[in-house]
Amino acid sequence: MEDLMQNAVTHLPGHGTLFEEMYLEAKSKGKAESRAESILRVLEVQGVPVSDEVRERITTCTDLDTLTTWFDRSLTVSKAEDLFSEDDTASS
């Protein structure tokens, strides 16, 4: 049991412990989910229809930079598909 507890002790940030990695992954996932929800909310408020395909693409994206770009575009698009207009070759 002591061996397990020694492995569970947290260290200073940046040491790549299992707990730190799990925490950072969960935090990133939470940010991505929040950003995706914001995009969908902006589109909804603006009255822009969102197909199931577009909704799925937004909600399954985990890249924060891509989601930030889509959020910025969501403020001005008239069609939800226009969020991805320049992303045809980029991965999400």
C-alpha atoms as a PDB file:
ATOM      1  CA  MET A   1       0.000   0.000   0.000  1.00  0.00           C
ATOM      2  CA  GLU A   2       2.838   2.406   0.782  1.00  0.00           C
ATOM      3  CA  ASP A   3       4.264   1.831  -2.694  1.00  0.00           C
ATOM      4  CA  LEU A   4       0.937   2.800  -4.229  1.00  0.00           C
ATOM      5  CA  MET A   5       0.726   5.936  -2.109  1.00  0.00           C
ATOM      6  CA  GLN A   6       4.247   6.975  -3.093  1.00  0.00           C
ATOM      7  CA  ASN A   7       3.220   6.800  -6.745  1.00  0.00           C
ATOM      8  CA  ALA A   8       0.088   8.836  -5.989  1.00  0.00           C
ATOM      9  CA  VAL A   9       1.995  11.748  -4.464  1.00  0.00           C
ATOM     10  CA  THR A  10       1.729  14.770  -6.712  1.00  0.00           C
ATOM     11  CA  HIS A  11       4.796  16.697  -7.753  1.00  0.00           C
ATOM     12  CA  LEU A  12       5.368  20.190  -8.961  1.00  0.00           C
ATOM     13  CA  PRO A  13       3.592  21.010 -12.236  1.00  0.00           C
ATOM     14  CA  GLY A  14       5.418  20.002 -15.375  1.00  0.00           C
ATOM     15  CA  HIS A  15       6.777  16.693 -14.140  1.00  0.00           C
ATOM     16  CA  GLY A  16       4.387  14.640 -16.274  1.00  0.00           C
ATOM     17  CA  THR A  17       2.913  12.562 -13.485  1.00  0.00           C
ATOM     18  CA  LEU A  18      -0.046  10.370 -14.357  1.00  0.00           C
ATOM     19  CA  PHE A  19      -2.340  12.526 -12.226  1.00  0.00           C
ATOM     20  CA  GLU A  20      -1.108  15.711 -13.876  1.00  0.00           C
ATOM     21  CA  GLU A  21      -1.587  14.264 -17.345  1.00  0.00           C
ATOM     22  CA  MET A  22      -5.107  13.086 -16.494  1.00  0.00           C
ATOM     23  CA  TYR A  23      -5.967  16.478 -14.992  1.00  0.00           C
ATOM     24  CA  LEU A  24      -4.655  18.401 -18.003  1.00  0.00           C
ATOM     25  CA  GLU A  25      -6.463  16.104 -20.429  1.00  0.00           C
ATOM     26  CA  ALA A  26      -9.749  16.538 -18.567  1.00  0.00           C
ATOM     27  CA  LYS A  27      -9.240  20.294 -18.381  1.00  0.00           C
ATOM     28  CA  SER A  28      -8.572  20.501 -22.127  1.00  0.00           C
ATOM     29  CA  LYS A  29     -11.603  18.353 -22.896  1.00  0.00           C
ATOM     30  CA  GLY A  30     -13.752  20.590 -20.708  1.00  0.00           C
ATOM     31  CA  LYS A  31     -12.506  23.693 -22.517  1.00  0.00           C
ATOM     32  CA  ALA A  32     -13.219  22.126 -25.898  1.00  0.00           C
ATOM     33  CA  GLU A  33     -16.737  21.141 -24.849  1.00  0.00           C
ATOM     34  CA  SER A  34     -17.374  24.622 -23.498  1.00  0.00           C
ATOM     35  CA  ARG A  35     -16.099  26.277 -26.659  1.00  0.00           C
ATOM     36  CA  ALA A  36     -18.229  23.980 -28.839  1.00  0.00           C
ATOM     37  CA  GLU A  37     -21.303  24.852 -26.756  1.00  0.00           C
ATOM     38  CA  SER A  38     -20.512  28.549 -27.205  1.00  0.00           C
ATOM     39  CA  ILE A  39     -20.301  28.172 -30.974  1.00  0.00           C
ATOM     40  CA  LEU A  40     -23.642  26.400 -31.097  1.00  0.00           C
ATOM     41  CA  ARG A  41     -25.205  29.016 -28.821  1.00  0.00           C
ATOM     42  CA  VAL A  42     -24.001  31.904 -31.000  1.00  0.00           C
ATOM     43  CA  LEU A  43     -25.417  30.208 -34.094  1.00  0.00           C
ATOM     44  CA  GLU A  44     -28.706  29.588 -32.299  1.00  0.00           C
ATOM     45  CA  VAL A  45     -29.036  33.193 -31.110  1.00  0.00           C
ATOM     46  CA  GLN A  46     -28.307  34.437 -34.632  1.00  0.00           C
ATOM     47  CA  GLY A  47     -30.956  32.123 -36.050  1.00  0.00           C
ATOM     48  CA  VAL A  48     -28.464  30.130 -38.126  1.00  0.00           C
ATOM     49  CA  PRO A  49     -29.764  26.590 -38.740  1.00  0.00           C
ATOM     50  CA  VAL A  50     -27.343  23.833 -37.689  1.00  0.00           C
ATOM     51  CA  SER A  51     -27.566  20.411 -39.312  1.00  0.00           C
ATOM     52  CA  ASP A  52     -26.829  17.251 -37.355  1.00  0.00           C
ATOM     53  CA  GLU A  53     -23.633  16.833 -39.399  1.00  0.00           C
ATOM     54  CA  VAL A  54     -22.379  20.317 -38.500  1.00  0.00           C
ATOM     55  CA  ARG A  55     -23.376  19.883 -34.844  1.00  0.00           C
ATOM     56  CA  GLU A  56     -21.462  16.605 -34.681  1.00  0.00           C
ATOM     57  CA  ARG A  57     -18.366  18.113 -36.303  1.00  0.00           C
ATOM     58  CA  ILE A  58     -18.370  20.965 -33.790  1.00  0.00           C
ATOM     59  CA  THR A  59     -19.030  18.836 -30.708  1.00  0.00           C
ATOM     60  CA  THR A  60     -16.464  16.165 -31.581  1.00  0.00           C
ATOM     61  CA  CYS A  61     -13.636  18.589 -32.324  1.00  0.00           C
ATOM     62  CA  THR A  62     -11.014  18.641 -29.563  1.00  0.00           C
ATOM     63  CA  ASP A  63      -8.554  21.115 -31.086  1.00  0.00           C
ATOM     64  CA  LEU A  64      -8.881  24.391 -29.170  1.00  0.00           C
ATOM     65  CA  ASP A  65      -7.288  26.471 -31.936  1.00  0.00           C
ATOM     66  CA  THR A  66      -9.766  25.140 -34.489  1.00  0.00           C
ATOM     67  CA  LEU A  67     -12.668  25.732 -32.124  1.00  0.00           C
ATOM     68  CA  THR A  68     -11.474  29.279 -31.493  1.00  0.00           C
ATOM     69  CA  THR A  69     -11.387  29.922 -35.234  1.00  0.00           C
ATOM     70  CA  TRP A  70     -14.879  28.478 -35.616  1.00  0.00           C
ATOM     71  CA  PHE A  71     -16.129  30.579 -32.698  1.00  0.00           C
ATOM     72  CA  ASP A  72     -14.775  33.750 -34.291  1.00  0.00           C
ATOM     73  CA  ARG A  73     -16.447  32.828 -37.574  1.00  0.00           C
ATOM     74  CA  SER A  74     -19.718  31.970 -35.818  1.00  0.00           C
ATOM     75  CA  LEU A  75     -20.123  35.643 -35.005  1.00  0.00           C
ATOM     76  CA  THR A  76     -20.531  36.580 -38.671  1.00  0.00           C
ATOM     77  CA  VAL A  77     -21.619  33.538 -40.730  1.00  0.00           C
ATOM     78  CA  SER A  78     -25.037  33.235 -42.327  1.00  0.00           C
ATOM     79  CA  LYS A  79     -24.718  29.465 -42.886  1.00  0.00           C
ATOM     80  CA  ALA A  80     -23.255  27.073 -40.314  1.00  0.00           C
ATOM     81  CA  GLU A  81     -21.241  25.303 -43.020  1.00  0.00           C
ATOM     82  CA  ASP A  82     -19.297  28.540 -43.542  1.00  0.00           C
ATOM     83  CA  LEU A  83     -17.530  27.872 -40.230  1.00  0.00           C
ATOM     84  CA  PHE A  84     -15.422  25.297 -42.050  1.00  0.00           C
ATOM     85  CA  SER A  85     -14.907  27.168 -45.339  1.00  0.00           C
ATOM     86  CA  GLU A  86     -11.116  27.388 -45.034  1.00  0.00           C
ATOM     87  CA  ASP A  87     -10.683  24.136 -43.069  1.00  0.00           C
ATOM     88  CA  ASP A  88     -11.109  21.661 -45.935  1.00  0.00           C
ATOM     89  CA  THR A  89      -7.505  20.488 -45.634  1.00  0.00           C
ATOM     90  CA  ALA A  90      -7.114  21.070 -41.885  1.00  0.00           C
ATOM     91  CA  SER A  91      -7.863  18.307 -39.412  1.00  0.00           C
ATOM     92  CA  SER A  92     -10.201  18.839 -36.502  1.00  0.00           C
END
